[in-house]
């Protein structure tokens, strides 16, 4: 069973930066879709970035239109941690940020594209709050 634990959120001023972390446990190298999502109270969960990970390789990052150029997802295999670097924060980025995973075993080493739709992910962390003031 995959477990995800986010951290790194906080309160920052507009224009600042944050780096969110998601420690992954119970994970195998069989291939997963992973993603970062965010949600404002009363609104639908929004996909920020999705990616495919298989045997330490990250592939096919896809970013939501509202975050392109400012958000970057990376992974530290030694630490089993997925990161989300956020630059030039805007008050519109204020939300709870979640890490998610969905098993998708690779067939013959294929690296898949992954959805930005929250409904297609099974495993979720508890979230980390990001608040941006103007």
C-alpha atoms as a PDB file:
ATOM      1  CA  UNK A   1       0.000   0.000   0.000  1.00  0.00           C
ATOM      2  CA  UNK A   2       1.403   3.354  -1.046  1.00  0.00           C
ATOM      3  CA  UNK A   3       1.555   6.082   1.587  1.00  0.00           C
ATOM      4  CA  UNK A   4       2.207   9.725   0.832  1.00  0.00           C
ATOM      5  CA  UNK A   5       3.225  12.472   3.249  1.00  0.00           C
ATOM      6  CA  UNK A   6       3.403  16.089   2.118  1.00  0.00           C
ATOM      7  CA  UNK A   7       5.233  18.955   3.762  1.00  0.00           C
ATOM      8  CA  UNK A   8       6.728  22.341   2.915  1.00  0.00           C
ATOM      9  CA  UNK A   9       3.643  24.496   2.744  1.00  0.00           C
ATOM     10  CA  UNK A  10       3.430  27.857   4.472  1.00  0.00           C
ATOM     11  CA  UNK A  11       2.528  31.503   4.227  1.00  0.00           C
ATOM     12  CA  UNK A  12       4.488  33.592   1.749  1.00  0.00           C
ATOM     13  CA  UNK A  13       4.172  36.909  -0.008  1.00  0.00           C
ATOM     14  CA  UNK A  14       3.373  37.200  -3.681  1.00  0.00           C
ATOM     15  CA  UNK A  15       6.454  36.725  -5.817  1.00  0.00           C
ATOM     16  CA  UNK A  16       8.039  34.326  -3.355  1.00  0.00           C
ATOM     17  CA  UNK A  17       8.897  30.653  -3.736  1.00  0.00           C
ATOM     18  CA  UNK A  18       8.174  27.392  -1.953  1.00  0.00           C
ATOM     19  CA  UNK A  19       9.319  23.806  -2.377  1.00  0.00           C
ATOM     20  CA  UNK A  20       6.797  21.171  -1.398  1.00  0.00           C
ATOM     21  CA  UNK A  21       7.846  17.617  -0.577  1.00  0.00           C
ATOM     22  CA  UNK A  22       5.988  14.326  -0.797  1.00  0.00           C
ATOM     23  CA  UNK A  23       7.651  11.349   0.852  1.00  0.00           C
ATOM     24  CA  UNK A  24       6.530   8.105  -0.747  1.00  0.00           C
ATOM     25  CA  UNK A  25       6.520   4.764   1.079  1.00  0.00           C
ATOM     26  CA  UNK A  26       5.211   1.305   0.238  1.00  0.00           C
ATOM     27  CA  UNK A  27       6.234   2.014  -3.336  1.00  0.00           C
ATOM     28  CA  UNK A  28       7.551  -0.486  -5.835  1.00  0.00           C
ATOM     29  CA  UNK A  29       9.403   0.140  -9.067  1.00  0.00           C
ATOM     30  CA  UNK A  30       6.614  -1.338 -11.141  1.00  0.00           C
ATOM     31  CA  UNK A  31       5.459   2.002 -12.469  1.00  0.00           C
ATOM     32  CA  UNK A  32       3.137   4.692 -11.147  1.00  0.00           C
ATOM     33  CA  UNK A  33       1.373   7.784 -12.257  1.00  0.00           C
ATOM     34  CA  UNK A  34       1.974  10.506  -9.697  1.00  0.00           C
ATOM     35  CA  UNK A  35       0.781  14.028  -9.415  1.00  0.00           C
ATOM     36  CA  UNK A  36       0.363  17.202  -7.465  1.00  0.00           C
ATOM     37  CA  UNK A  37      -3.101  18.639  -7.081  1.00  0.00           C
ATOM     38  CA  UNK A  38      -4.513  21.641  -5.280  1.00  0.00           C
ATOM     39  CA  UNK A  39      -7.879  22.487  -3.874  1.00  0.00           C
ATOM     40  CA  UNK A  40      -9.576  25.608  -2.587  1.00  0.00           C
ATOM     41  CA  UNK A  41     -12.413  25.037  -0.167  1.00  0.00           C
ATOM     42  CA  UNK A  42     -15.660  24.584  -2.042  1.00  0.00           C
ATOM     43  CA  UNK A  43     -13.978  24.066  -5.399  1.00  0.00           C
ATOM     44  CA  UNK A  44     -12.971  21.024  -7.425  1.00  0.00           C
ATOM     45  CA  UNK A  45      -9.493  19.583  -6.968  1.00  0.00           C
ATOM     46  CA  UNK A  46      -7.239  20.965  -9.724  1.00  0.00           C
ATOM     47  CA  UNK A  47      -4.402  19.067 -11.367  1.00  0.00           C
ATOM     48  CA  UNK A  48      -1.078  20.924 -11.091  1.00  0.00           C
ATOM     49  CA  UNK A  49       1.325  18.377 -12.584  1.00  0.00           C
ATOM     50  CA  UNK A  50       1.282  14.713 -13.469  1.00  0.00           C
ATOM     51  CA  UNK A  51       4.190  12.432 -14.300  1.00  0.00           C
ATOM     52  CA  UNK A  52       5.078   8.781 -14.773  1.00  0.00           C
ATOM     53  CA  UNK A  53       7.757   7.128 -12.668  1.00  0.00           C
ATOM     54  CA  UNK A  54       9.308   3.719 -13.357  1.00  0.00           C
ATOM     55  CA  UNK A  55      12.534   2.300 -11.920  1.00  0.00           C
ATOM     56  CA  UNK A  56      13.790   5.713 -10.895  1.00  0.00           C
ATOM     57  CA  UNK A  57      12.958   7.402 -14.195  1.00  0.00           C
ATOM     58  CA  UNK A  58      10.536  10.298 -14.377  1.00  0.00           C
ATOM     59  CA  UNK A  59       8.834  10.880 -17.693  1.00  0.00           C
ATOM     60  CA  UNK A  60       6.037  12.748 -19.393  1.00  0.00           C
ATOM     61  CA  UNK A  61       5.534  15.615 -17.007  1.00  0.00           C
ATOM     62  CA  UNK A  62       2.310  17.470 -17.805  1.00  0.00           C
ATOM     63  CA  UNK A  63       1.490  20.783 -16.175  1.00  0.00           C
ATOM     64  CA  UNK A  64      -1.821  22.510 -15.734  1.00  0.00           C
ATOM     65  CA  UNK A  65      -2.242  25.642 -17.853  1.00  0.00           C
ATOM     66  CA  UNK A  66      -2.409  27.942 -14.832  1.00  0.00           C
ATOM     67  CA  UNK A  67       1.005  26.882 -13.502  1.00  0.00           C
ATOM     68  CA  UNK A  68       3.132  26.368 -16.613  1.00  0.00           C
ATOM     69  CA  UNK A  69       6.492  28.060 -16.358  1.00  0.00           C
ATOM     70  CA  UNK A  70       6.254  28.582 -12.578  1.00  0.00           C
ATOM     71  CA  UNK A  71       5.913  25.047 -11.173  1.00  0.00           C
ATOM     72  CA  UNK A  72       8.407  22.222 -11.557  1.00  0.00           C
ATOM     73  CA  UNK A  73       8.125  18.622 -10.372  1.00  0.00           C
ATOM     74  CA  UNK A  74      11.235  16.622  -9.570  1.00  0.00           C
ATOM     75  CA  UNK A  75      12.028  13.416  -7.717  1.00  0.00           C
ATOM     76  CA  UNK A  76      14.851  12.323  -5.452  1.00  0.00           C
ATOM     77  CA  UNK A  77      15.055   8.562  -5.817  1.00  0.00           C
ATOM     78  CA  UNK A  78      17.416   8.112  -2.888  1.00  0.00           C
ATOM     79  CA  UNK A  79      14.983   9.893  -0.591  1.00  0.00           C
ATOM     80  CA  UNK A  80      11.824   8.458  -2.209  1.00  0.00           C
ATOM     81  CA  UNK A  81      10.558  12.002  -2.370  1.00  0.00           C
ATOM     82  CA  UNK A  82       8.590  13.885  -5.005  1.00  0.00           C
ATOM     83  CA  UNK A  83       9.078  17.647  -4.987  1.00  0.00           C
ATOM     84  CA  UNK A  84       7.097  20.575  -6.334  1.00  0.00           C
ATOM     85  CA  UNK A  85       9.114  23.762  -6.761  1.00  0.00           C
ATOM     86  CA  UNK A  86       6.835  26.790  -6.981  1.00  0.00           C
ATOM     87  CA  UNK A  87       8.191  30.146  -8.123  1.00  0.00           C
ATOM     88  CA  UNK A  88       6.660  33.606  -8.472  1.00  0.00           C
ATOM     89  CA  UNK A  89       3.735  32.724  -6.218  1.00  0.00           C
ATOM     90  CA  UNK A  90       0.462  34.528  -6.746  1.00  0.00           C
ATOM     91  CA  UNK A  91      -2.474  34.865  -4.311  1.00  0.00           C
ATOM     92  CA  UNK A  92      -4.419  32.713  -6.772  1.00  0.00           C
ATOM     93  CA  UNK A  93      -2.059  29.850  -5.837  1.00  0.00           C
ATOM     94  CA  UNK A  94      -3.466  29.787  -2.297  1.00  0.00           C
ATOM     95  CA  UNK A  95      -4.812  26.267  -1.746  1.00  0.00           C
ATOM     96  CA  UNK A  96      -4.270  22.944  -0.039  1.00  0.00           C
ATOM     97  CA  UNK A  97      -1.727  21.005  -2.086  1.00  0.00           C
ATOM     98  CA  UNK A  98      -1.942  17.213  -2.327  1.00  0.00           C
ATOM     99  CA  UNK A  99       0.345  14.512  -3.644  1.00  0.00           C
ATOM    100  CA  UNK A 100      -1.302  11.519  -5.327  1.00  0.00           C
ATOM    101  CA  UNK A 101      -0.312   8.175  -6.829  1.00  0.00           C
ATOM    102  CA  UNK A 102      -1.951   5.579  -9.029  1.00  0.00           C
ATOM    103  CA  UNK A 103      -0.289   2.222  -9.847  1.00  0.00           C
ATOM    104  CA  UNK A 104       0.265   1.719 -13.563  1.00  0.00           C
ATOM    105  CA  UNK A 105       2.725  -1.103 -14.127  1.00  0.00           C
ATOM    106  CA  UNK A 106       4.948  -0.642 -17.136  1.00  0.00           C
ATOM    107  CA  UNK A 107       4.681  -3.175 -19.937  1.00  0.00           C
ATOM    108  CA  UNK A 108       7.952  -3.755 -21.751  1.00  0.00           C
ATOM    109  CA  UNK A 109       9.434  -0.612 -20.217  1.00  0.00           C
ATOM    110  CA  UNK A 110       6.879   1.758 -21.666  1.00  0.00           C
ATOM    111  CA  UNK A 111       6.640   5.190 -20.060  1.00  0.00           C
ATOM    112  CA  UNK A 112       3.065   6.403 -20.027  1.00  0.00           C
ATOM    113  CA  UNK A 113       1.357   9.745 -19.998  1.00  0.00           C
ATOM    114  CA  UNK A 114      -0.642  10.355 -16.847  1.00  0.00           C
ATOM    115  CA  UNK A 115      -3.882  12.233 -16.257  1.00  0.00           C
ATOM    116  CA  UNK A 116      -4.374  15.534 -14.478  1.00  0.00           C
ATOM    117  CA  UNK A 117      -7.795  14.333 -13.372  1.00  0.00           C
ATOM    118  CA  UNK A 118      -7.944  13.769  -9.607  1.00  0.00           C
ATOM    119  CA  UNK A 119     -10.671  11.131 -10.022  1.00  0.00           C
ATOM    120  CA  UNK A 120      -8.130   8.773 -11.569  1.00  0.00           C
ATOM    121  CA  UNK A 121      -5.836   8.588  -8.541  1.00  0.00           C
ATOM    122  CA  UNK A 122      -6.306   6.169  -5.657  1.00  0.00           C
ATOM    123  CA  UNK A 123      -3.641   7.116  -3.111  1.00  0.00           C
ATOM    124  CA  UNK A 124      -3.513  10.551  -1.512  1.00  0.00           C
ATOM    125  CA  UNK A 125      -1.540  12.373   1.142  1.00  0.00           C
ATOM    126  CA  UNK A 126      -3.114  14.552   3.809  1.00  0.00           C
ATOM    127  CA  UNK A 127      -2.131  17.789   2.077  1.00  0.00           C
ATOM    128  CA  UNK A 128      -0.038  20.837   2.898  1.00  0.00           C
ATOM    129  CA  UNK A 129      -1.464  24.366   2.947  1.00  0.00           C
ATOM    130  CA  UNK A 130       0.002  27.145   0.822  1.00  0.00           C
ATOM    131  CA  UNK A 131      -1.160  30.695   1.529  1.00  0.00           C
ATOM    132  CA  UNK A 132       0.027  33.605  -0.606  1.00  0.00           C
ATOM    133  CA  UNK A 133      -0.587  37.188   0.476  1.00  0.00           C
ATOM    134  CA  UNK A 134      -0.517  40.197  -1.820  1.00  0.00           C
END
